Amino acid sequence: MMPPRQAVKILISVDTEEDNWAATQEPATVENIRALPKAHEFMTGLGLRPTYFVNYPVVTTEWSRDIIRGLHQSGCCEIGAHLHPWNTPPLEEPFTPENTMLKNLPISLQQKKLEVLTEAIRGVIGQRPTSFRAGRFGLDAAGIRALIDLGYQVDSSVTPFVDWTEYSRGPDFSRAPYVRYRLDGESEIDVPSAAGPILEVPISCGFTRLPFGWRGRVHRVLESSRIRPFKLLGLASRTGILRRVVGSPETDGIEDLVRLAESLIESEVGYLHLFFHSSSLIPGNSPFVQTEEDAQALTACISEFVSRVSGFADLESATVSELAGASA
């Protein structure tokens, strides 16, 4: 049974990046950014205040710079930073799968790339961004320290209950809190620090049923290489006992997203945070949107999510940094 109607912040963030889905050091095109103004009009029409995490190719292509500047000047969104190591200078590292994760680079190189991206965004919107998301979610404590040094106030790279270590030695967020929490850059990225200077605002990830605690622990066991061959995780997911949802209309259907929202609201998390990739605005660019029908389904899912959750919660839109400010 749902608790009494609650006031809940709703966030939507967009990884705003090049057309290429696979990492490459070939020249990148950013044609999907031409679709961003229409997508922005759609989201603001729903009352949302999007956060656009923009990467280096987007803010160094002249015409897409103008689009990002225009979105910023609308006052209806936030422009944050999104770093893809493989196309953000300096390109000093070997181009390998592991080096597509920012966390796997030397801290000095992480710092240099962050400085270059930060200044590139400042050159477009006239101010330094205060929010960040790592490409491929590839962030750890060293990256948090670099963000703190550059004056960032909020990170949104954590996907609770998800382990990315098998993907190019990415981070393991399977034990991360599913609520916002503070980080100090010294402890691991999944360990809160009450006095930390930067706020972590995770993407909404969890399960379709409460409680999340034991479900997260069992999910880790069933996902382990020792147990995985028995395919018990798939069975547990199909039956709904252990159905994990990552808050994106690209990967999860409306029913699971609404059930996740119900669970998070019942847990009094206080916010819901969906995300998607700008490349999904153009069919064929991302694996999630291959046809025009897929593109229409994505926007329909976002619209229905807002409508259905509004039926049992009082939604108030916020950008990622606005949520951080409300939590200060």
C-alpha atoms as a PDB file:
ATOM      1  CA  MET A   1       0.000   0.000   0.000  1.00  0.00           C
ATOM      2  CA  MET A   2       1.322   3.427  -0.939  1.00  0.00           C
ATOM      3  CA  PRO A   3       1.920   5.924   1.894  1.00  0.00           C
ATOM      4  CA  PRO A   4       0.068   9.264   1.975  1.00  0.00           C
ATOM      5  CA  ARG A   5       0.690  11.449  -1.059  1.00  0.00           C
ATOM      6  CA  GLN A   6       4.188  12.928  -0.967  1.00  0.00           C
ATOM      7  CA  ALA A   7       5.941  15.882  -2.586  1.00  0.00           C
ATOM      8  CA  VAL A   8       8.679  14.464  -4.820  1.00  0.00           C
ATOM      9  CA  LYS A   9      11.294  16.144  -6.984  1.00  0.00           C
ATOM     10  CA  ILE A  10      11.449  14.834 -10.549  1.00  0.00           C
ATOM     11  CA  LEU A  11      14.642  15.055 -12.584  1.00  0.00           C
ATOM     12  CA  ILE A  12      15.443  14.093 -16.144  1.00  0.00           C
ATOM     13  CA  SER A  13      18.996  14.184 -17.441  1.00  0.00           C
ATOM     14  CA  VAL A  14      20.348  13.706 -20.939  1.00  0.00           C
ATOM     15  CA  ASP A  15      23.828  12.413 -21.775  1.00  0.00           C
ATOM     16  CA  THR A  16      24.337  14.914 -24.568  1.00  0.00           C
ATOM     17  CA  GLU A  17      26.985  13.503 -26.857  1.00  0.00           C
ATOM     18  CA  GLU A  18      28.159  12.519 -30.333  1.00  0.00           C
ATOM     19  CA  ASP A  19      26.282  10.270 -32.761  1.00  0.00           C
ATOM     20  CA  ASN A  20      28.767   7.385 -32.515  1.00  0.00           C
ATOM     21  CA  TRP A  21      27.597   4.838 -29.949  1.00  0.00           C
ATOM     22  CA  ALA A  22      30.845   2.877 -29.894  1.00  0.00           C
ATOM     23  CA  ALA A  23      33.953   4.602 -28.575  1.00  0.00           C
ATOM     24  CA  THR A  24      36.152   5.794 -31.419  1.00  0.00           C
ATOM     25  CA  GLN A  25      38.831   8.383 -31.998  1.00  0.00           C
ATOM     26  CA  GLU A  26      37.622   9.006 -35.528  1.00  0.00           C
ATOM     27  CA  PRO A  27      36.147  12.497 -36.046  1.00  0.00           C
ATOM     28  CA  ALA A  28      32.778  12.591 -34.309  1.00  0.00           C
ATOM     29  CA  THR A  29      29.531  13.915 -35.741  1.00  0.00           C
ATOM     30  CA  VAL A  30      26.862  15.434 -33.490  1.00  0.00           C
ATOM     31  CA  GLU A  31      23.843  15.529 -35.812  1.00  0.00           C
ATOM     32  CA  ASN A  32      21.552  14.329 -33.021  1.00  0.00           C
ATOM     33  CA  ILE A  33      21.958  17.729 -31.341  1.00  0.00           C
ATOM     34  CA  ARG A  34      19.779  19.215 -34.088  1.00  0.00           C
ATOM     35  CA  ALA A  35      16.897  17.264 -32.528  1.00  0.00           C
ATOM     36  CA  LEU A  36      17.572  18.631 -29.047  1.00  0.00           C
ATOM     37  CA  PRO A  37      15.467  21.824 -29.250  1.00  0.00           C
ATOM     38  CA  LYS A  38      12.369  19.810 -30.149  1.00  0.00           C
ATOM     39  CA  ALA A  39      13.096  17.324 -27.360  1.00  0.00           C
ATOM     40  CA  HIS A  40      13.617  20.247 -24.975  1.00  0.00           C
ATOM     41  CA  GLU A  41      10.249  21.724 -25.948  1.00  0.00           C
ATOM     42  CA  PHE A  42       8.643  18.334 -25.335  1.00  0.00           C
ATOM     43  CA  MET A  43      10.205  17.926 -21.881  1.00  0.00           C
ATOM     44  CA  THR A  44       9.534  21.468 -20.710  1.00  0.00           C
ATOM     45  CA  GLY A  45       5.984  21.045 -22.000  1.00  0.00           C
ATOM     46  CA  LEU A  46       5.638  18.269 -19.423  1.00  0.00           C
ATOM     47  CA  GLY A  47       6.879  20.697 -16.782  1.00  0.00           C
ATOM     48  CA  LEU A  48      10.339  19.117 -16.599  1.00  0.00           C
ATOM     49  CA  ARG A  49      13.608  21.018 -16.180  1.00  0.00           C
ATOM     50  CA  PRO A  50      16.190  18.903 -18.021  1.00  0.00           C
ATOM     51  CA  THR A  51      19.856  18.630 -17.147  1.00  0.00           C
ATOM     52  CA  TYR A  52      22.005  18.283 -20.267  1.00  0.00           C
ATOM     53  CA  PHE A  53      25.353  16.665 -19.500  1.00  0.00           C
ATOM     54  CA  VAL A  54      27.276  17.810 -22.590  1.00  0.00           C
ATOM     55  CA  ASN A  55      30.564  16.418 -23.845  1.00  0.00           C
ATOM     56  CA  TYR A  56      33.542  17.822 -25.716  1.00  0.00           C
ATOM     57  CA  PRO A  57      32.498  17.199 -29.355  1.00  0.00           C
ATOM     58  CA  VAL A  58      29.135  18.876 -28.684  1.00  0.00           C
ATOM     59  CA  VAL A  59      30.638  22.057 -27.230  1.00  0.00           C
ATOM     60  CA  THR A  60      33.443  22.320 -29.796  1.00  0.00           C
ATOM     61  CA  THR A  61      31.278  22.021 -32.923  1.00  0.00           C
ATOM     62  CA  GLU A  62      30.257  25.558 -33.869  1.00  0.00           C
ATOM     63  CA  TRP A  63      26.596  25.014 -34.721  1.00  0.00           C
ATOM     64  CA  SER A  64      25.919  22.650 -31.793  1.00  0.00           C
ATOM     65  CA  ARG A  65      27.569  25.162 -29.449  1.00  0.00           C
ATOM     66  CA  ASP A  66      24.893  27.627 -30.539  1.00  0.00           C
ATOM     67  CA  ILE A  67      22.126  25.138 -29.721  1.00  0.00           C
ATOM     68  CA  ILE A  68      23.545  24.453 -26.263  1.00  0.00           C
ATOM     69  CA  ARG A  69      23.928  28.172 -25.622  1.00  0.00           C
ATOM     70  CA  GLY A  70      20.328  28.743 -26.649  1.00  0.00           C
ATOM     71  CA  LEU A  71      19.074  26.023 -24.297  1.00  0.00           C
ATOM     72  CA  HIS A  72      21.073  27.553 -21.461  1.00  0.00           C
ATOM     73  CA  GLN A  73      19.687  31.010 -22.165  1.00  0.00           C
ATOM     74  CA  SER A  74      16.130  29.671 -22.028  1.00  0.00           C
ATOM     75  CA  GLY A  75      16.495  29.391 -18.252  1.00  0.00           C
ATOM     76  CA  CYS A  76      14.541  26.124 -18.285  1.00  0.00           C
ATOM     77  CA  CYS A  77      17.441  23.694 -17.949  1.00  0.00           C
ATOM     78  CA  GLU A  78      20.948  23.089 -16.662  1.00  0.00           C
ATOM     79  CA  ILE A  79      24.110  22.497 -18.648  1.00  0.00           C
ATOM     80  CA  GLY A  80      26.428  20.033 -16.910  1.00  0.00           C
ATOM     81  CA  ALA A  81      29.598  18.247 -18.018  1.00  0.00           C
ATOM     82  CA  HIS A  82      29.875  14.767 -19.537  1.00  0.00           C
ATOM     83  CA  LEU A  83      33.336  13.371 -20.217  1.00  0.00           C
ATOM     84  CA  HIS A  84      34.188  10.723 -22.804  1.00  0.00           C
ATOM     85  CA  PRO A  85      37.915  10.082 -22.298  1.00  0.00           C
ATOM     86  CA  TRP A  86      38.437   8.865 -25.872  1.00  0.00           C
ATOM     87  CA  ASN A  87      37.513  12.219 -27.441  1.00  0.00           C
ATOM     88  CA  THR A  88      38.409  14.744 -24.747  1.00  0.00           C
ATOM     89  CA  PRO A  89      41.926  16.225 -24.948  1.00  0.00           C
ATOM     90  CA  PRO A  90      44.622  15.640 -24.095  1.00  0.00           C
ATOM     91  CA  LEU A  91      44.605  12.231 -25.795  1.00  0.00           C
ATOM     92  CA  GLU A  92      47.778  10.966 -24.128  1.00  0.00           C
ATOM     93  CA  GLU A  93      46.507   7.488 -23.223  1.00  0.00           C
ATOM     94  CA  PRO A  94      46.515   4.431 -25.477  1.00  0.00           C
ATOM     95  CA  PHE A  95      43.114   3.882 -27.090  1.00  0.00           C
ATOM     96  CA  THR A  96      42.003   0.677 -25.353  1.00  0.00           C
ATOM     97  CA  PRO A  97      38.655  -0.548 -24.000  1.00  0.00           C
ATOM     98  CA  GLU A  98      39.789  -0.052 -20.404  1.00  0.00           C
ATOM     99  CA  ASN A  99      40.791   3.540 -21.107  1.00  0.00           C
ATOM    100  CA  THR A 100      37.237   4.393 -22.123  1.00  0.00           C
ATOM    101  CA  MET A 101      36.576   4.435 -18.373  1.00  0.00           C
ATOM    102  CA  LEU A 102      37.810   7.698 -16.844  1.00  0.00           C
ATOM    103  CA  LYS A 103      38.594   5.908 -13.575  1.00  0.00           C
ATOM    104  CA  ASN A 104      41.277   3.792 -15.272  1.00  0.00           C
ATOM    105  CA  LEU A 105      43.376   6.781 -16.335  1.00  0.00           C
ATOM    106  CA  PRO A 106      46.141   8.361 -14.212  1.00  0.00           C
ATOM    107  CA  ILE A 107      44.688  10.994 -11.914  1.00  0.00           C
ATOM    108  CA  SER A 108      46.812  13.705 -13.539  1.00  0.00           C
ATOM    109  CA  LEU A 109      45.287  12.895 -16.933  1.00  0.00           C
ATOM    110  CA  GLN A 110      41.776  12.766 -15.486  1.00  0.00           C
ATOM    111  CA  GLN A 111      42.385  16.249 -14.091  1.00  0.00           C
ATOM    112  CA  LYS A 112      43.649  17.599 -17.412  1.00  0.00           C
ATOM    113  CA  LYS A 113      40.682  16.250 -19.358  1.00  0.00           C
ATOM    114  CA  LEU A 114      38.238  17.639 -16.809  1.00  0.00           C
ATOM    115  CA  GLU A 115      39.909  21.053 -16.995  1.00  0.00           C
ATOM    116  CA  VAL A 116      39.704  21.097 -20.796  1.00  0.00           C
ATOM    117  CA  LEU A 117      36.027  20.078 -20.825  1.00  0.00           C
ATOM    118  CA  THR A 118      35.106  22.510 -18.056  1.00  0.00           C
ATOM    119  CA  GLU A 119      36.695  25.431 -19.892  1.00  0.00           C
ATOM    120  CA  ALA A 120      35.095  24.413 -23.189  1.00  0.00           C
ATOM    121  CA  ILE A 121      31.649  24.503 -21.563  1.00  0.00           C
ATOM    122  CA  ARG A 122      32.421  27.809 -19.865  1.00  0.00           C
ATOM    123  CA  GLY A 123      33.253  29.212 -23.287  1.00  0.00           C
ATOM    124  CA  VAL A 124      29.759  28.306 -24.487  1.00  0.00           C
ATOM    125  CA  ILE A 125      27.499  29.241 -21.559  1.00  0.00           C
ATOM    126  CA  GLY A 126      29.664  31.872 -19.866  1.00  0.00           C
ATOM    127  CA  GLN A 127      30.072  30.005 -16.590  1.00  0.00           C
ATOM    128  CA  ARG A 128      31.668  26.865 -15.306  1.00  0.00           C
ATOM    129  CA  PRO A 129      29.332  23.871 -14.962  1.00  0.00           C
ATOM    130  CA  THR A 130      28.600  22.655 -11.443  1.00  0.00           C
ATOM    131  CA  SER A 131      27.300  19.163 -12.242  1.00  0.00           C
ATOM    132  CA  PHE A 132      28.999  16.174 -13.860  1.00  0.00           C
ATOM    133  CA  ARG A 133      28.418  12.677 -15.175  1.00  0.00           C
ATOM    134  CA  ALA A 134      31.214  10.403 -16.375  1.00  0.00           C
ATOM    135  CA  GLY A 135      30.809   8.702 -19.728  1.00  0.00           C
ATOM    136  CA  ARG A 136      30.020   4.997 -19.257  1.00  0.00           C
ATOM    137  CA  PHE A 137      29.532   5.916 -15.542  1.00  0.00           C
ATOM    138  CA  GLY A 138      33.298   5.388 -15.211  1.00  0.00           C
ATOM    139  CA  LEU A 139      34.077   7.379 -12.078  1.00  0.00           C
ATOM    140  CA  ASP A 140      35.787   6.590  -8.781  1.00  0.00           C
ATOM    141  CA  ALA A 141      37.112   8.473  -5.748  1.00  0.00           C
ATOM    142  CA  ALA A 142      40.052   9.926  -7.689  1.00  0.00           C
ATOM    143  CA  GLY A 143      37.663  11.505 -10.160  1.00  0.00           C
ATOM    144  CA  ILE A 144      35.578  12.896  -7.305  1.00  0.00           C
ATOM    145  CA  ARG A 145      38.713  14.575  -5.919  1.00  0.00           C
ATOM    146  CA  ALA A 146      39.369  16.136  -9.309  1.00  0.00           C
ATOM    147  CA  LEU A 147      35.784  17.393  -9.496  1.00  0.00           C
ATOM    148  CA  ILE A 148      36.077  18.918  -6.031  1.00  0.00           C
ATOM    149  CA  ASP A 149      39.311  20.676  -7.025  1.00  0.00           C
ATOM    150  CA  LEU A 150      37.538  22.177 -10.042  1.00  0.00           C
ATOM    151  CA  GLY A 151      34.623  23.474  -7.987  1.00  0.00           C
ATOM    152  CA  TYR A 152      31.937  21.001  -9.001  1.00  0.00           C
ATOM    153  CA  GLN A 153      29.091  20.702  -6.527  1.00  0.00           C
ATOM    154  CA  VAL A 154      27.263  17.583  -7.665  1.00  0.00           C
ATOM    155  CA  ASP A 155      28.006  14.329  -9.463  1.00  0.00           C
ATOM    156  CA  SER A 156      25.497  11.977 -11.070  1.00  0.00           C
ATOM    157  CA  SER A 157      27.597   9.026 -12.233  1.00  0.00           C
ATOM    158  CA  VAL A 158      26.360   6.392  -9.792  1.00  0.00           C
ATOM    159  CA  THR A 159      23.884   3.679 -10.820  1.00  0.00           C
ATOM    160  CA  PRO A 160      22.938   1.867  -7.582  1.00  0.00           C
ATOM    161  CA  PHE A 161      22.736  -1.952  -7.676  1.00  0.00           C
ATOM    162  CA  VAL A 162      24.704  -2.069 -10.959  1.00  0.00           C
ATOM    163  CA  ASP A 163      28.185  -3.577 -11.346  1.00  0.00           C
ATOM    164  CA  TRP A 164      30.087  -2.383 -14.441  1.00  0.00           C
ATOM    165  CA  THR A 165      33.375  -4.169 -13.741  1.00  0.00           C
ATOM    166  CA  GLU A 166      32.923  -6.608 -16.622  1.00  0.00           C
ATOM    167  CA  TYR A 167      32.591  -3.681 -19.016  1.00  0.00           C
ATOM    168  CA  SER A 168      36.138  -2.438 -19.573  1.00  0.00           C
ATOM    169  CA  ARG A 169      36.916  -2.643 -15.842  1.00  0.00           C
ATOM    170  CA  GLY A 170      34.278  -0.122 -14.918  1.00  0.00           C
ATOM    171  CA  PRO A 171      33.067   0.755 -11.413  1.00  0.00           C
ATOM    172  CA  ASP A 172      31.034  -1.467  -9.128  1.00  0.00           C
ATOM    173  CA  PHE A 173      28.025   0.446  -7.800  1.00  0.00           C
ATOM    174  CA  SER A 174      26.150  -2.633  -6.602  1.00  0.00           C
ATOM    175  CA  ARG A 175      26.508  -1.547  -2.963  1.00  0.00           C
ATOM    176  CA  ALA A 176      26.004   2.191  -3.529  1.00  0.00           C
ATOM    177  CA  PRO A 177      23.216   4.030  -1.702  1.00  0.00           C
ATOM    178  CA  TYR A 178      20.115   4.625  -3.786  1.00  0.00           C
ATOM    179  CA  VAL A 179      19.544   7.975  -2.077  1.00  0.00           C
ATOM    180  CA  ARG A 180      21.518  11.192  -2.573  1.00  0.00           C
ATOM    181  CA  TYR A 181      24.619  11.329  -0.401  1.00  0.00           C
ATOM    182  CA  ARG A 182      27.776  13.357   0.108  1.00  0.00           C
ATOM    183  CA  LEU A 183      31.302  12.436  -0.976  1.00  0.00           C
ATOM    184  CA  ASP A 184      34.685  13.661   0.185  1.00  0.00           C
ATOM    185  CA  GLY A 185      36.918  12.204  -2.549  1.00  0.00           C
ATOM    186  CA  GLU A 186      38.840  10.143  -0.012  1.00  0.00           C
ATOM    187  CA  SER A 187      36.431   7.301   0.705  1.00  0.00           C
ATOM    188  CA  GLU A 188      35.227   5.052  -2.105  1.00  0.00           C
ATOM    189  CA  ILE A 189      32.554   6.523  -4.344  1.00  0.00           C
ATOM    190  CA  ASP A 190      29.880   4.268  -2.837  1.00  0.00           C
ATOM    191  CA  VAL A 191      30.710   5.297   0.749  1.00  0.00           C
ATOM    192  CA  PRO A 192      28.905   8.421   2.053  1.00  0.00           C
ATOM    193  CA  SER A 193      30.779  11.133   3.939  1.00  0.00           C
ATOM    194  CA  ALA A 194      28.471  13.446   5.854  1.00  0.00           C
ATOM    195  CA  ALA A 195      30.794  16.445   5.532  1.00  0.00           C
ATOM    196  CA  GLY A 196      31.763  15.794   1.912  1.00  0.00           C
ATOM    197  CA  PRO A 197      31.805  18.889  -0.323  1.00  0.00           C
ATOM    198  CA  ILE A 198      30.134  17.228  -3.323  1.00  0.00           C
ATOM    199  CA  LEU A 199      26.672  15.686  -3.493  1.00  0.00           C
ATOM    200  CA  GLU A 200      26.085  12.438  -5.350  1.00  0.00           C
ATOM    201  CA  VAL A 201      22.668  12.330  -7.028  1.00  0.00           C
ATOM    202  CA  PRO A 202      22.347   8.778  -8.338  1.00  0.00           C
ATOM    203  CA  ILE A 203      20.176   7.836 -11.254  1.00  0.00           C
ATOM    204  CA  SER A 204      17.018   6.158  -9.962  1.00  0.00           C
ATOM    205  CA  CYS A 205      17.851   2.451  -9.882  1.00  0.00           C
ATOM    206  CA  GLY A 206      16.326  -0.243  -7.749  1.00  0.00           C
ATOM    207  CA  PHE A 207      13.729  -2.996  -7.773  1.00  0.00           C
ATOM    208  CA  THR A 208      10.045  -3.237  -8.489  1.00  0.00           C
ATOM    209  CA  ARG A 209       9.427  -4.467  -4.940  1.00  0.00           C
ATOM    210  CA  LEU A 210      10.607  -3.483  -1.492  1.00  0.00           C
ATOM    211  CA  PRO A 211      12.755  -3.894   0.470  1.00  0.00           C
ATOM    212  CA  PHE A 212      15.781  -3.126  -1.684  1.00  0.00           C
ATOM    213  CA  GLY A 213      18.379  -4.244   0.879  1.00  0.00           C
ATOM    214  CA  TRP A 214      18.150  -8.030   0.683  1.00  0.00           C
ATOM    215  CA  ARG A 215      17.191  -7.890  -2.972  1.00  0.00           C
ATOM    216  CA  GLY A 216      20.421  -6.052  -3.729  1.00  0.00           C
ATOM    217  CA  ARG A 217      22.443  -8.641  -1.830  1.00  0.00           C
ATOM    218  CA  VAL A 218      20.750 -11.585  -3.550  1.00  0.00           C
ATOM    219  CA  HIS A 219      21.115  -9.887  -6.934  1.00  0.00           C
ATOM    220  CA  ARG A 220      24.891  -9.644  -6.398  1.00  0.00           C
ATOM    221  CA  VAL A 221      25.072 -13.340  -5.561  1.00  0.00           C
ATOM    222  CA  LEU A 222      22.990 -14.452  -8.546  1.00  0.00           C
ATOM    223  CA  GLU A 223      24.957 -12.153 -10.870  1.00  0.00           C
ATOM    224  CA  SER A 224      28.297 -13.592  -9.753  1.00  0.00           C
ATOM    225  CA  SER A 225      30.279 -15.684 -12.220  1.00  0.00           C
ATOM    226  CA  ARG A 226      29.905 -18.702  -9.926  1.00  0.00           C
ATOM    227  CA  ILE A 227      26.089 -18.674  -9.935  1.00  0.00           C
ATOM    228  CA  ARG A 228      25.326 -17.003 -13.276  1.00  0.00           C
ATOM    229  CA  PRO A 229      25.502 -20.213 -15.378  1.00  0.00           C
ATOM    230  CA  PHE A 230      22.409 -21.502 -13.564  1.00  0.00           C
ATOM    231  CA  LYS A 231      20.387 -18.558 -14.989  1.00  0.00           C
ATOM    232  CA  LEU A 232      18.625 -18.009 -11.680  1.00  0.00           C
ATOM    233  CA  LEU A 233      18.833 -14.229 -12.017  1.00  0.00           C
ATOM    234  CA  GLY A 234      16.754 -14.285 -15.192  1.00  0.00           C
ATOM    235  CA  LEU A 235      14.147 -16.470 -13.529  1.00  0.00           C
ATOM    236  CA  ALA A 236      13.999 -14.196 -10.472  1.00  0.00           C
ATOM    237  CA  SER A 237      13.604 -11.172 -12.746  1.00  0.00           C
ATOM    238  CA  ARG A 238      10.857 -12.680 -14.889  1.00  0.00           C
ATOM    239  CA  THR A 239       8.820 -13.657 -11.837  1.00  0.00           C
ATOM    240  CA  GLY A 240       9.179 -10.152 -10.396  1.00  0.00           C
ATOM    241  CA  ILE A 241      10.865 -11.365  -7.218  1.00  0.00           C
ATOM    242  CA  LEU A 242      14.126  -9.689  -8.147  1.00  0.00           C
ATOM    243  CA  ARG A 243      13.380  -7.361 -11.055  1.00  0.00           C
ATOM    244  CA  ARG A 244      16.023  -4.629 -11.191  1.00  0.00           C
ATOM    245  CA  VAL A 245      15.167  -1.404 -12.985  1.00  0.00           C
ATOM    246  CA  VAL A 246      17.582   1.273 -14.202  1.00  0.00           C
ATOM    247  CA  GLY A 247      15.692   4.540 -14.528  1.00  0.00           C
ATOM    248  CA  SER A 248      15.724   5.031 -18.275  1.00  0.00           C
ATOM    249  CA  PRO A 249      12.948   4.826 -20.873  1.00  0.00           C
ATOM    250  CA  GLU A 250      15.604   3.417 -23.210  1.00  0.00           C
ATOM    251  CA  THR A 251      16.016   0.178 -21.283  1.00  0.00           C
ATOM    252  CA  ASP A 252      12.898  -0.271 -19.132  1.00  0.00           C
ATOM    253  CA  GLY A 253       9.196  -0.241 -19.863  1.00  0.00           C
ATOM    254  CA  ILE A 254       6.610   2.035 -18.341  1.00  0.00           C
ATOM    255  CA  GLU A 255       5.196  -0.550 -15.926  1.00  0.00           C
ATOM    256  CA  ASP A 256       8.602  -1.289 -14.388  1.00  0.00           C
ATOM    257  CA  LEU A 257       9.482   2.408 -14.221  1.00  0.00           C
ATOM    258  CA  VAL A 258       6.246   3.217 -12.415  1.00  0.00           C
ATOM    259  CA  ARG A 259       6.766   0.333  -9.979  1.00  0.00           C
ATOM    260  CA  LEU A 260      10.291   1.598  -9.316  1.00  0.00           C
ATOM    261  CA  ALA A 261       8.866   5.065  -8.670  1.00  0.00           C
ATOM    262  CA  GLU A 262       6.329   3.634  -6.226  1.00  0.00           C
ATOM    263  CA  SER A 263       9.104   1.812  -4.358  1.00  0.00           C
ATOM    264  CA  LEU A 264      11.353   4.883  -4.194  1.00  0.00           C
ATOM    265  CA  ILE A 265       8.535   7.131  -3.044  1.00  0.00           C
ATOM    266  CA  GLU A 266       7.488   4.611  -0.392  1.00  0.00           C
ATOM    267  CA  SER A 267      11.131   4.547   0.725  1.00  0.00           C
ATOM    268  CA  GLU A 268      10.960   8.356   1.065  1.00  0.00           C
ATOM    269  CA  VAL A 269      13.961   8.911  -1.214  1.00  0.00           C
ATOM    270  CA  GLY A 270      12.480  12.283  -2.114  1.00  0.00           C
ATOM    271  CA  TYR A 271      13.303  12.363  -5.815  1.00  0.00           C
ATOM    272  CA  LEU A 272      12.986  10.416  -9.066  1.00  0.00           C
ATOM    273  CA  HIS A 273      15.746  10.667 -11.654  1.00  0.00           C
ATOM    274  CA  LEU A 274      15.357   9.364 -15.205  1.00  0.00           C
ATOM    275  CA  PHE A 275      17.976   9.668 -17.939  1.00  0.00           C
ATOM    276  CA  PHE A 276      18.545   8.909 -21.613  1.00  0.00           C
ATOM    277  CA  HIS A 277      21.122   9.588 -24.340  1.00  0.00           C
ATOM    278  CA  SER A 278      20.786  12.365 -26.902  1.00  0.00           C
ATOM    279  CA  SER A 279      21.878   9.902 -29.584  1.00  0.00           C
ATOM    280  CA  SER A 280      18.533   8.143 -29.076  1.00  0.00           C
ATOM    281  CA  LEU A 281      16.795  11.177 -30.564  1.00  0.00           C
ATOM    282  CA  ILE A 282      17.849  10.003 -34.040  1.00  0.00           C
ATOM    283  CA  PRO A 283      16.836   6.438 -34.995  1.00  0.00           C
ATOM    284  CA  GLY A 284      19.813   4.228 -35.723  1.00  0.00           C
ATOM    285  CA  ASN A 285      22.312   6.099 -33.556  1.00  0.00           C
ATOM    286  CA  SER A 286      21.838   4.168 -30.322  1.00  0.00           C
ATOM    287  CA  PRO A 287      21.007   0.499 -29.734  1.00  0.00           C
ATOM    288  CA  PHE A 288      17.825   1.571 -27.933  1.00  0.00           C
ATOM    289  CA  VAL A 289      16.199   3.502 -30.783  1.00  0.00           C
ATOM    290  CA  GLN A 290      16.476   1.890 -34.188  1.00  0.00           C
ATOM    291  CA  THR A 291      13.250   3.071 -35.819  1.00  0.00           C
ATOM    292  CA  GLU A 292      10.959   6.082 -35.781  1.00  0.00           C
ATOM    293  CA  GLU A 293       8.489   3.957 -33.824  1.00  0.00           C
ATOM    294  CA  ASP A 294      11.172   3.383 -31.176  1.00  0.00           C
ATOM    295  CA  ALA A 295      11.736   7.135 -30.946  1.00  0.00           C
ATOM    296  CA  GLN A 296       8.032   7.771 -30.494  1.00  0.00           C
ATOM    297  CA  ALA A 297       7.855   5.041 -27.848  1.00  0.00           C
ATOM    298  CA  LEU A 298      10.667   6.699 -25.887  1.00  0.00           C
ATOM    299  CA  THR A 299       8.913  10.059 -25.686  1.00  0.00           C
ATOM    300  CA  ALA A 300       5.581   8.384 -24.990  1.00  0.00           C
ATOM    301  CA  CYS A 301       7.158   6.515 -22.072  1.00  0.00           C
ATOM    302  CA  ILE A 302       8.471   9.751 -20.548  1.00  0.00           C
ATOM    303  CA  SER A 303       5.087  11.434 -20.941  1.00  0.00           C
ATOM    304  CA  GLU A 304       3.186   8.501 -19.454  1.00  0.00           C
ATOM    305  CA  PHE A 305       5.650   8.232 -16.570  1.00  0.00           C
ATOM    306  CA  VAL A 306       5.061  11.859 -15.583  1.00  0.00           C
ATOM    307  CA  SER A 307       1.300  11.459 -15.941  1.00  0.00           C
ATOM    308  CA  ARG A 308       1.013   8.239 -13.963  1.00  0.00           C
ATOM    309  CA  VAL A 309       3.361   9.224 -11.146  1.00  0.00           C
ATOM    310  CA  SER A 310       1.515  12.545 -10.850  1.00  0.00           C
ATOM    311  CA  GLY A 311      -1.497  10.422  -9.966  1.00  0.00           C
ATOM    312  CA  PHE A 312       0.017   9.382  -6.632  1.00  0.00           C
ATOM    313  CA  ALA A 313       2.670  12.028  -5.882  1.00  0.00           C
ATOM    314  CA  ASP A 314       3.019  15.793  -6.052  1.00  0.00           C
ATOM    315  CA  LEU A 315       5.842  16.258  -8.563  1.00  0.00           C
ATOM    316  CA  GLU A 316       8.101  19.303  -8.570  1.00  0.00           C
ATOM    317  CA  SER A 317      10.636  19.572 -11.376  1.00  0.00           C
ATOM    318  CA  ALA A 318      14.295  20.303 -10.715  1.00  0.00           C
ATOM    319  CA  THR A 319      17.647  20.125 -12.424  1.00  0.00           C
ATOM    320  CA  VAL A 320      20.400  18.070 -10.843  1.00  0.00           C
ATOM    321  CA  SER A 321      22.092  21.101  -9.294  1.00  0.00           C
ATOM    322  CA  GLU A 322      18.763  22.503  -8.102  1.00  0.00           C
ATOM    323  CA  LEU A 323      18.202  19.255  -6.214  1.00  0.00           C
ATOM    324  CA  ALA A 324      21.691  19.575  -4.761  1.00  0.00           C
ATOM    325  CA  GLY A 325      20.937  23.137  -3.679  1.00  0.00           C
ATOM    326  CA  ALA A 326      17.747  22.009  -1.999  1.00  0.00           C
ATOM    327  CA  SER A 327      19.793  19.387  -0.133  1.00  0.00           C
ATOM    328  CA  ALA A 328      22.550  21.716   1.034  1.00  0.00           C
END
